[in-house]
N, C-alpha and C. Protein backbone atom coordinates (compact mmCIF):
# COMPACT_ATOMS: atom_id res chain seq x y z
N MET A 1 81.28 109.22 94.81
CA MET A 1 81.18 108.34 93.62
C MET A 1 82.63 108.14 93.13
N ILE A 2 82.95 106.87 92.84
CA ILE A 2 84.27 106.48 92.34
C ILE A 2 84.19 106.44 90.81
N GLU A 3 85.09 107.07 90.23
CA GLU A 3 85.14 107.04 88.68
C GLU A 3 85.18 105.69 88.21
N ALA A 4 84.42 105.41 87.12
CA ALA A 4 84.40 104.03 86.54
C ALA A 4 85.71 103.55 86.10
N THR A 5 86.57 104.40 85.60
CA THR A 5 87.90 103.97 85.16
C THR A 5 88.71 103.41 86.39
N ALA A 6 88.62 104.14 87.49
CA ALA A 6 89.29 103.69 88.65
C ALA A 6 88.80 102.33 89.10
N SER A 7 87.49 102.20 89.15
CA SER A 7 86.91 100.90 89.58
C SER A 7 87.31 99.77 88.68
N ARG A 8 87.35 99.98 87.37
CA ARG A 8 87.73 98.97 86.44
C ARG A 8 89.18 98.57 86.64
N ARG A 9 90.05 99.56 86.80
CA ARG A 9 91.45 99.29 87.00
C ARG A 9 91.68 98.54 88.38
N PHE A 10 90.89 98.88 89.37
CA PHE A 10 90.99 98.26 90.70
C PHE A 10 90.61 96.76 90.56
N GLU A 11 89.68 96.44 89.66
CA GLU A 11 89.31 95.07 89.44
C GLU A 11 90.57 94.24 89.11
N GLN A 12 91.49 94.86 88.36
CA GLN A 12 92.76 94.11 88.04
C GLN A 12 93.57 93.81 89.26
N VAL A 13 93.63 94.82 90.22
CA VAL A 13 94.26 94.59 91.50
C VAL A 13 93.67 93.41 92.23
N LEU A 14 92.31 93.41 92.28
CA LEU A 14 91.60 92.29 92.96
C LEU A 14 91.86 90.97 92.26
N LYS A 15 92.00 91.00 90.97
CA LYS A 15 92.28 89.72 90.23
C LYS A 15 93.69 89.22 90.61
N ARG A 16 94.66 90.12 90.65
CA ARG A 16 96.05 89.70 91.05
C ARG A 16 96.03 89.21 92.48
N GLN A 17 95.14 89.70 93.31
CA GLN A 17 95.06 89.20 94.71
C GLN A 17 94.19 87.92 94.84
N GLU A 18 93.69 87.47 93.65
CA GLU A 18 92.77 86.35 93.57
C GLU A 18 91.51 86.62 94.39
N LEU A 19 90.98 87.82 94.24
CA LEU A 19 89.75 88.17 94.96
C LEU A 19 88.68 88.52 93.96
N ASP A 20 88.87 88.31 92.71
CA ASP A 20 87.88 88.66 91.75
C ASP A 20 86.65 87.79 91.77
N ASP A 21 86.80 86.54 92.25
CA ASP A 21 85.68 85.60 92.35
C ASP A 21 85.18 85.58 93.76
N VAL A 22 84.10 86.34 94.13
CA VAL A 22 83.63 86.41 95.48
C VAL A 22 83.02 85.17 95.97
N SER A 23 82.66 84.23 95.07
CA SER A 23 81.99 83.01 95.51
C SER A 23 82.96 82.18 96.39
N VAL A 24 84.24 82.35 96.19
CA VAL A 24 85.22 81.64 97.04
C VAL A 24 85.09 82.10 98.49
N LEU A 25 84.74 83.36 98.67
CA LEU A 25 84.63 83.92 100.04
C LEU A 25 83.30 83.48 100.71
N LEU A 26 82.37 82.92 99.95
CA LEU A 26 81.08 82.58 100.45
C LEU A 26 80.88 81.11 100.66
N GLN A 27 82.00 80.36 100.60
CA GLN A 27 81.85 78.92 100.84
C GLN A 27 81.62 78.66 102.32
N PRO A 28 80.80 77.64 102.63
CA PRO A 28 80.52 77.27 104.00
C PRO A 28 81.82 77.07 104.80
N GLY A 29 81.93 77.67 105.98
CA GLY A 29 83.04 77.54 106.82
C GLY A 29 84.20 78.56 106.54
N PHE A 30 84.05 79.35 105.55
CA PHE A 30 85.12 80.35 105.19
C PHE A 30 85.19 81.40 106.29
N PHE A 31 86.45 81.69 106.75
CA PHE A 31 86.66 82.64 107.81
C PHE A 31 88.03 83.20 107.57
N ASP A 32 88.17 84.46 107.18
CA ASP A 32 89.48 84.99 106.95
C ASP A 32 89.40 86.55 106.82
N GLU A 33 90.52 87.19 106.90
CA GLU A 33 90.67 88.66 106.68
C GLU A 33 91.80 88.77 105.66
N ILE A 34 91.45 89.38 104.54
CA ILE A 34 92.38 89.44 103.39
C ILE A 34 92.61 90.87 102.92
N PRO A 35 93.80 91.27 102.80
CA PRO A 35 94.07 92.70 102.36
C PRO A 35 93.63 92.75 100.81
N LEU A 36 93.07 93.86 100.42
CA LEU A 36 92.61 94.03 99.02
C LEU A 36 93.80 94.32 98.09
N TYR A 37 94.95 94.69 98.65
CA TYR A 37 96.15 94.81 97.85
C TYR A 37 97.37 94.43 98.71
N SER A 38 98.48 94.11 98.10
CA SER A 38 99.62 93.65 98.86
C SER A 38 100.87 94.57 98.69
N ARG A 39 100.88 95.40 97.74
CA ARG A 39 101.98 96.25 97.44
C ARG A 39 101.47 97.74 97.19
N TYR A 40 102.05 98.67 97.74
CA TYR A 40 101.68 100.03 97.59
C TYR A 40 101.64 100.43 96.05
N ARG A 41 102.65 99.94 95.31
CA ARG A 41 102.70 100.27 93.94
C ARG A 41 101.48 99.79 93.13
N GLN A 42 100.77 98.83 93.67
CA GLN A 42 99.50 98.34 93.04
C GLN A 42 98.42 99.37 93.02
N VAL A 43 98.43 100.37 94.03
CA VAL A 43 97.36 101.27 94.14
C VAL A 43 97.78 102.75 93.97
N GLU A 44 99.08 103.04 93.92
CA GLU A 44 99.53 104.46 93.85
C GLU A 44 98.88 105.21 92.69
N TRP A 45 98.58 104.57 91.57
CA TRP A 45 98.00 105.24 90.42
C TRP A 45 96.61 105.80 90.74
N LEU A 46 95.98 105.32 91.83
CA LEU A 46 94.67 105.76 92.19
C LEU A 46 94.68 107.22 92.61
N GLY A 47 95.90 107.73 93.05
CA GLY A 47 96.03 109.06 93.49
C GLY A 47 95.64 110.16 92.48
N ARG A 48 95.71 109.79 91.21
CA ARG A 48 95.35 110.72 90.14
C ARG A 48 93.83 110.96 90.08
N PHE A 49 93.05 110.11 90.71
CA PHE A 49 91.61 110.23 90.73
C PHE A 49 91.07 110.94 92.00
N GLY A 50 91.94 111.34 92.89
CA GLY A 50 91.54 112.02 94.09
C GLY A 50 92.30 111.51 95.28
N ASP A 51 91.71 111.78 96.45
CA ASP A 51 92.38 111.37 97.72
C ASP A 51 92.52 109.85 97.81
N LEU A 52 93.73 109.37 97.82
CA LEU A 52 94.01 107.93 97.74
C LEU A 52 93.25 107.13 98.87
N ASP A 53 93.39 107.58 100.05
CA ASP A 53 92.78 106.81 101.17
C ASP A 53 91.16 106.75 101.00
N ARG A 54 90.64 107.92 100.63
CA ARG A 54 89.16 107.95 100.38
C ARG A 54 88.76 106.95 99.33
N LEU A 55 89.50 106.94 98.22
CA LEU A 55 89.20 105.99 97.12
C LEU A 55 89.37 104.55 97.54
N LEU A 56 90.46 104.25 98.27
CA LEU A 56 90.72 102.89 98.69
C LEU A 56 89.56 102.42 99.60
N LEU A 57 89.15 103.25 100.52
CA LEU A 57 88.07 102.86 101.42
C LEU A 57 86.80 102.70 100.59
N GLY A 58 86.43 103.62 99.66
CA GLY A 58 85.31 103.46 98.89
C GLY A 58 85.30 102.23 98.05
N LEU A 59 86.37 101.80 97.47
CA LEU A 59 86.57 100.59 96.67
C LEU A 59 86.36 99.39 97.61
N GLY A 60 86.92 99.49 98.81
CA GLY A 60 86.74 98.39 99.82
C GLY A 60 85.28 98.21 100.17
N ILE A 61 84.54 99.27 100.40
CA ILE A 61 83.08 99.20 100.66
C ILE A 61 82.35 98.70 99.47
N ASN A 62 82.70 99.12 98.30
CA ASN A 62 81.99 98.51 97.10
C ASN A 62 82.25 97.05 97.01
N TYR A 63 83.46 96.59 97.32
CA TYR A 63 83.68 95.15 97.31
C TYR A 63 82.92 94.44 98.36
N LEU A 64 82.85 95.04 99.57
CA LEU A 64 82.01 94.40 100.60
C LEU A 64 80.58 94.29 100.17
N ASN A 65 80.08 95.32 99.50
CA ASN A 65 78.66 95.28 99.02
C ASN A 65 78.50 94.18 97.99
N ARG A 66 79.46 93.97 97.16
CA ARG A 66 79.40 92.92 96.16
C ARG A 66 79.30 91.54 96.85
N ILE A 67 80.10 91.35 97.89
CA ILE A 67 80.05 90.07 98.64
C ILE A 67 78.69 89.89 99.31
N VAL A 68 78.22 90.90 100.00
CA VAL A 68 77.02 90.73 100.73
C VAL A 68 75.78 90.56 99.83
N THR A 69 75.75 91.23 98.68
CA THR A 69 74.64 91.07 97.77
C THR A 69 74.65 89.67 97.10
N ARG A 70 75.75 89.01 97.14
CA ARG A 70 75.77 87.64 96.55
C ARG A 70 75.63 86.60 97.64
N ALA A 71 75.55 87.00 98.91
CA ALA A 71 75.39 86.09 99.97
C ALA A 71 73.96 85.76 100.19
N THR A 72 73.53 84.58 99.74
CA THR A 72 72.15 84.13 99.96
C THR A 72 72.29 82.89 100.80
N LEU A 73 72.77 83.08 102.02
CA LEU A 73 73.15 82.01 102.88
C LEU A 73 72.09 81.69 103.92
N GLN A 74 71.96 80.40 104.25
CA GLN A 74 71.16 80.03 105.40
C GLN A 74 71.93 80.11 106.69
N SER A 75 73.21 79.87 106.62
CA SER A 75 74.04 79.92 107.84
C SER A 75 74.44 81.34 108.17
N GLN A 76 74.86 81.53 109.41
CA GLN A 76 75.24 82.83 109.94
C GLN A 76 76.35 83.44 109.01
N PHE A 77 76.27 84.73 108.87
CA PHE A 77 77.24 85.38 107.93
C PHE A 77 77.54 86.78 108.48
N PHE A 78 78.89 87.14 108.48
CA PHE A 78 79.32 88.41 108.83
C PHE A 78 80.46 88.81 107.89
N ALA A 79 80.45 90.05 107.40
CA ALA A 79 81.48 90.59 106.57
C ALA A 79 81.66 92.11 106.86
N GLY A 80 82.85 92.52 106.77
CA GLY A 80 83.18 93.94 107.02
C GLY A 80 84.43 94.27 106.31
N VAL A 81 84.77 95.60 106.38
CA VAL A 81 86.03 96.07 105.82
C VAL A 81 86.85 96.49 107.07
N THR A 82 88.07 95.94 107.25
CA THR A 82 88.89 96.42 108.31
C THR A 82 89.99 97.30 107.67
N VAL A 83 90.44 98.24 108.51
CA VAL A 83 91.45 99.16 108.00
C VAL A 83 92.51 99.46 109.02
N LEU A 84 93.75 99.22 108.67
CA LEU A 84 94.87 99.62 109.49
C LEU A 84 95.37 100.95 108.85
N ASP A 85 95.42 101.99 109.65
CA ASP A 85 95.86 103.30 109.22
C ASP A 85 97.16 103.62 109.87
N GLU A 86 98.24 103.47 109.16
CA GLU A 86 99.56 103.72 109.71
C GLU A 86 99.92 105.20 109.72
N GLY A 87 99.13 106.02 109.04
CA GLY A 87 99.34 107.47 109.09
C GLY A 87 100.49 107.84 108.15
N GLY A 88 100.76 109.13 108.16
CA GLY A 88 101.82 109.62 107.31
C GLY A 88 101.50 109.55 105.86
N ASP A 89 102.55 109.24 105.02
CA ASP A 89 102.35 109.15 103.60
C ASP A 89 102.07 107.76 103.10
N VAL A 90 101.76 106.86 104.04
CA VAL A 90 101.45 105.48 103.70
C VAL A 90 99.96 105.35 103.55
N PRO A 91 99.46 104.79 102.33
CA PRO A 91 98.05 104.69 102.21
C PRO A 91 97.42 103.64 103.10
N ILE A 92 96.18 103.76 103.42
CA ILE A 92 95.51 102.75 104.18
C ILE A 92 95.45 101.43 103.43
N VAL A 93 95.33 100.35 104.25
CA VAL A 93 95.18 99.06 103.64
C VAL A 93 93.83 98.44 104.04
N PRO A 94 92.83 98.55 103.22
CA PRO A 94 91.55 97.94 103.50
C PRO A 94 91.70 96.44 103.33
N SER A 95 91.01 95.73 104.24
CA SER A 95 90.99 94.22 104.06
C SER A 95 89.52 93.85 104.18
N ILE A 96 89.18 92.75 103.60
CA ILE A 96 87.84 92.24 103.63
C ILE A 96 87.88 91.12 104.75
N TYR A 97 86.90 91.14 105.66
CA TYR A 97 86.80 90.25 106.76
C TYR A 97 85.51 89.51 106.58
N VAL A 98 85.58 88.18 106.43
CA VAL A 98 84.38 87.35 106.14
C VAL A 98 84.38 86.13 106.99
N CYS A 99 83.21 85.90 107.62
CA CYS A 99 82.96 84.67 108.33
C CYS A 99 81.62 84.12 107.87
N VAL A 100 81.66 82.88 107.33
CA VAL A 100 80.50 82.19 106.85
C VAL A 100 80.25 80.98 107.78
N GLY A 101 79.19 81.03 108.53
CA GLY A 101 78.83 79.87 109.41
C GLY A 101 79.45 80.03 110.79
N TRP A 102 78.73 79.62 111.80
CA TRP A 102 79.21 79.62 113.19
C TRP A 102 79.76 80.96 113.67
N VAL A 103 79.14 82.03 113.18
CA VAL A 103 79.69 83.36 113.52
C VAL A 103 79.66 83.61 115.03
N ASP A 104 78.56 83.19 115.65
CA ASP A 104 78.51 83.41 117.12
C ASP A 104 79.51 82.66 117.83
N ARG A 105 79.78 81.42 117.40
CA ARG A 105 80.73 80.56 118.09
C ARG A 105 82.16 81.03 117.82
N ARG A 106 82.46 81.38 116.60
CA ARG A 106 83.79 81.78 116.20
C ARG A 106 84.21 83.14 116.77
N MET A 107 83.22 84.07 116.77
CA MET A 107 83.57 85.40 117.01
C MET A 107 82.91 86.02 118.27
N GLY A 108 81.87 85.35 118.76
CA GLY A 108 81.26 85.86 120.03
C GLY A 108 82.18 85.90 121.16
N GLY A 109 82.33 87.10 121.74
CA GLY A 109 83.21 87.34 122.90
C GLY A 109 84.64 87.52 122.50
N LYS A 110 84.97 87.24 121.24
CA LYS A 110 86.37 87.40 120.79
C LYS A 110 86.55 88.73 120.08
N LEU A 111 85.57 89.01 119.19
CA LEU A 111 85.62 90.33 118.49
C LEU A 111 84.77 91.30 119.20
N LEU A 112 85.37 92.20 119.94
CA LEU A 112 84.65 93.22 120.72
C LEU A 112 85.06 94.55 120.21
N LEU A 113 84.06 95.21 119.60
CA LEU A 113 84.30 96.48 118.96
C LEU A 113 83.79 97.61 119.84
N SER A 114 84.31 98.79 119.74
CA SER A 114 83.89 99.94 120.52
C SER A 114 83.77 101.15 119.68
N GLU A 115 83.10 102.17 120.21
CA GLU A 115 82.98 103.44 119.50
C GLU A 115 84.39 103.95 119.15
N PRO A 116 84.51 104.69 118.11
CA PRO A 116 85.82 105.28 117.73
C PRO A 116 86.33 106.24 118.80
N ARG A 117 87.60 105.97 119.26
CA ARG A 117 88.28 106.89 120.18
C ARG A 117 89.56 107.37 119.60
N ALA A 118 90.22 106.39 118.83
CA ALA A 118 91.48 106.74 118.26
C ALA A 118 91.36 107.68 117.06
N ALA A 119 92.33 108.57 116.86
CA ALA A 119 92.27 109.52 115.77
C ALA A 119 92.18 108.72 114.42
N SER A 120 92.87 107.63 114.31
CA SER A 120 92.89 106.85 113.01
C SER A 120 91.53 106.35 112.72
N THR A 121 90.79 105.81 113.73
CA THR A 121 89.42 105.31 113.54
C THR A 121 88.45 106.45 113.21
N LYS A 122 88.63 107.55 113.87
CA LYS A 122 87.71 108.78 113.57
C LYS A 122 87.98 109.22 112.18
N ARG A 123 89.24 109.16 111.66
CA ARG A 123 89.56 109.50 110.35
C ARG A 123 88.85 108.60 109.32
N ILE A 124 88.84 107.31 109.62
CA ILE A 124 88.09 106.36 108.75
C ILE A 124 86.62 106.73 108.72
N ALA A 125 86.09 107.00 109.93
CA ALA A 125 84.65 107.35 110.00
C ALA A 125 84.36 108.62 109.12
N ASN A 126 85.30 109.55 109.18
CA ASN A 126 85.13 110.76 108.31
C ASN A 126 85.15 110.38 106.82
N LEU A 127 86.04 109.47 106.48
CA LEU A 127 86.11 109.02 105.08
C LEU A 127 84.79 108.33 104.67
N VAL A 128 84.17 107.55 105.50
CA VAL A 128 82.91 106.90 105.24
C VAL A 128 81.85 107.97 105.01
N GLN A 129 81.84 108.97 105.90
CA GLN A 129 80.85 110.09 105.74
C GLN A 129 81.10 110.83 104.49
N SER A 130 82.31 110.96 104.02
CA SER A 130 82.58 111.71 102.78
C SER A 130 82.00 110.92 101.54
N HIS A 131 81.70 109.69 101.70
CA HIS A 131 81.07 108.94 100.60
C HIS A 131 79.54 108.95 100.79
N ASP A 132 79.03 109.68 101.77
CA ASP A 132 77.61 109.72 102.07
C ASP A 132 77.05 108.32 102.46
N LEU A 133 77.85 107.60 103.20
CA LEU A 133 77.50 106.21 103.52
C LEU A 133 77.21 106.03 104.97
N ALA A 134 77.22 107.08 105.76
CA ALA A 134 77.13 106.94 107.21
C ALA A 134 75.75 106.33 107.67
N SER A 135 74.72 106.46 106.84
CA SER A 135 73.45 105.89 107.27
C SER A 135 73.40 104.38 107.03
N ASP A 136 74.27 103.86 106.13
CA ASP A 136 74.28 102.48 105.81
C ASP A 136 75.40 101.70 106.54
N PHE A 137 76.46 102.39 106.88
CA PHE A 137 77.64 101.76 107.45
C PHE A 137 78.04 102.43 108.78
N TRP A 138 78.61 101.64 109.63
CA TRP A 138 79.03 102.11 110.93
C TRP A 138 80.52 101.80 111.02
N VAL A 139 81.24 102.69 111.64
CA VAL A 139 82.65 102.50 111.88
C VAL A 139 82.90 102.29 113.37
N LEU A 140 83.46 101.19 113.76
CA LEU A 140 83.85 100.92 115.16
C LEU A 140 85.32 100.58 115.18
N GLU A 141 85.87 100.45 116.37
CA GLU A 141 87.29 100.10 116.42
C GLU A 141 87.50 98.81 117.22
N ASP A 142 88.58 98.15 116.77
CA ASP A 142 88.98 96.88 117.37
C ASP A 142 90.34 97.16 117.99
N ARG A 143 90.43 96.95 119.29
CA ARG A 143 91.69 97.14 120.07
C ARG A 143 92.28 95.83 120.55
N ARG A 144 91.65 94.71 120.23
CA ARG A 144 92.06 93.41 120.74
C ARG A 144 92.78 92.52 119.80
N SER A 145 92.42 92.59 118.48
CA SER A 145 92.99 91.67 117.52
C SER A 145 94.45 91.73 117.35
N ILE A 146 95.03 92.95 117.37
CA ILE A 146 96.48 93.12 117.22
C ILE A 146 96.90 93.93 118.43
N PRO A 147 97.65 93.28 119.37
CA PRO A 147 98.09 93.95 120.55
C PRO A 147 98.81 95.26 120.22
N GLY A 148 98.35 96.30 120.88
CA GLY A 148 99.01 97.61 120.73
C GLY A 148 98.55 98.37 119.48
N GLU A 149 97.72 97.85 118.68
CA GLU A 149 97.20 98.47 117.43
C GLU A 149 95.70 98.73 117.52
N VAL A 150 95.31 99.69 116.82
CA VAL A 150 93.86 99.91 116.67
C VAL A 150 93.45 99.75 115.22
N LYS A 151 92.45 98.93 114.98
CA LYS A 151 91.98 98.65 113.63
C LYS A 151 90.53 99.12 113.48
N ALA A 152 90.25 99.84 112.40
CA ALA A 152 88.89 100.28 112.19
C ALA A 152 88.12 99.17 111.57
N PHE A 153 86.87 99.00 111.92
CA PHE A 153 85.94 98.01 111.36
C PHE A 153 84.76 98.76 110.71
N VAL A 154 84.61 98.60 109.48
CA VAL A 154 83.47 99.21 108.73
C VAL A 154 82.46 98.13 108.36
N GLY A 155 81.24 98.23 108.84
CA GLY A 155 80.24 97.25 108.55
C GLY A 155 78.88 97.80 108.38
N HIS A 156 77.95 97.01 107.88
CA HIS A 156 76.56 97.37 107.70
C HIS A 156 75.84 97.63 109.03
N ARG A 157 75.05 98.71 108.99
CA ARG A 157 74.31 99.08 110.20
C ARG A 157 73.08 98.17 110.35
N HIS A 158 72.56 97.68 109.20
CA HIS A 158 71.30 96.98 109.26
C HIS A 158 71.43 95.59 108.63
N ARG A 159 70.69 94.61 109.16
CA ARG A 159 70.68 93.24 108.63
C ARG A 159 70.09 93.29 107.27
N LEU A 160 70.76 92.62 106.33
CA LEU A 160 70.33 92.61 104.95
C LEU A 160 69.59 91.34 104.60
N PHE A 161 69.70 90.31 105.43
CA PHE A 161 68.98 89.07 105.34
C PHE A 161 69.01 88.38 106.67
N PRO A 162 68.12 87.40 106.96
CA PRO A 162 67.96 86.93 108.37
C PRO A 162 69.24 86.44 109.02
N SER A 163 70.12 85.71 108.26
CA SER A 163 71.32 85.17 108.91
C SER A 163 72.53 86.15 108.93
N HIS A 164 72.30 87.37 108.48
CA HIS A 164 73.38 88.31 108.39
C HIS A 164 73.59 88.91 109.80
N ARG A 165 74.84 88.95 110.24
CA ARG A 165 75.18 89.63 111.47
C ARG A 165 75.73 90.98 111.11
N THR A 166 75.32 91.96 111.83
CA THR A 166 75.87 93.32 111.60
C THR A 166 76.99 93.63 112.54
N ILE A 167 77.62 94.76 112.21
CA ILE A 167 78.76 95.24 113.06
C ILE A 167 78.28 95.49 114.47
N GLU A 168 77.02 95.90 114.65
CA GLU A 168 76.54 96.18 116.04
C GLU A 168 76.47 94.90 116.90
N ASP A 169 76.38 93.79 116.28
CA ASP A 169 76.38 92.48 117.02
C ASP A 169 77.68 92.29 117.80
N PHE A 170 78.67 93.00 117.40
CA PHE A 170 80.00 92.82 118.05
C PHE A 170 80.39 94.01 118.87
N LEU A 171 79.44 94.98 119.07
CA LEU A 171 79.71 96.15 119.93
C LEU A 171 79.82 95.68 121.41
N ASP A 172 80.96 96.02 122.04
CA ASP A 172 81.19 95.72 123.40
C ASP A 172 80.27 96.62 124.27
N LYS A 173 79.19 96.08 124.73
CA LYS A 173 78.26 96.88 125.54
C LYS A 173 78.87 97.40 126.82
N GLY A 174 79.92 96.78 127.31
CA GLY A 174 80.51 97.24 128.57
C GLY A 174 81.59 98.31 128.31
N ALA A 175 81.90 98.67 127.06
CA ALA A 175 82.97 99.59 126.86
C ALA A 175 82.48 101.03 126.93
């Protein structure tokens, strides 16, 4: 559980990133991946509430849930939290990944996710478990989007409405 004070203050970070109005992300044809913060100094204060990476991931998942619960779309829809974990003393950077419409055409065969193998992806999976969210969310890894990098993908395990695509829809069955 994330302290209410931390959540409220993080709303100000989202506002500065122009992410406070999720309806913008739900427009037909929207397709983007947007970091939830752009400067480390924007989030360093979170450290006083506990493990910074754990909190950032939890806030990212809360934001994802806010988007998905407002998505009452007829067209195909996919959203997830992506995480680049650079390790060391640098906090994780959760990004929101949203595709509204033509999900199969835009992402089919291009986004191929696999079970976590990299230590960084396994660490993100452990952070998801620390929030008791493993039954609702699945962590997979993306090794194709950024050559030479591994990105964790956190997404819903279950379809929440008929046009919703889950993270499992992008699991590379041949991997």
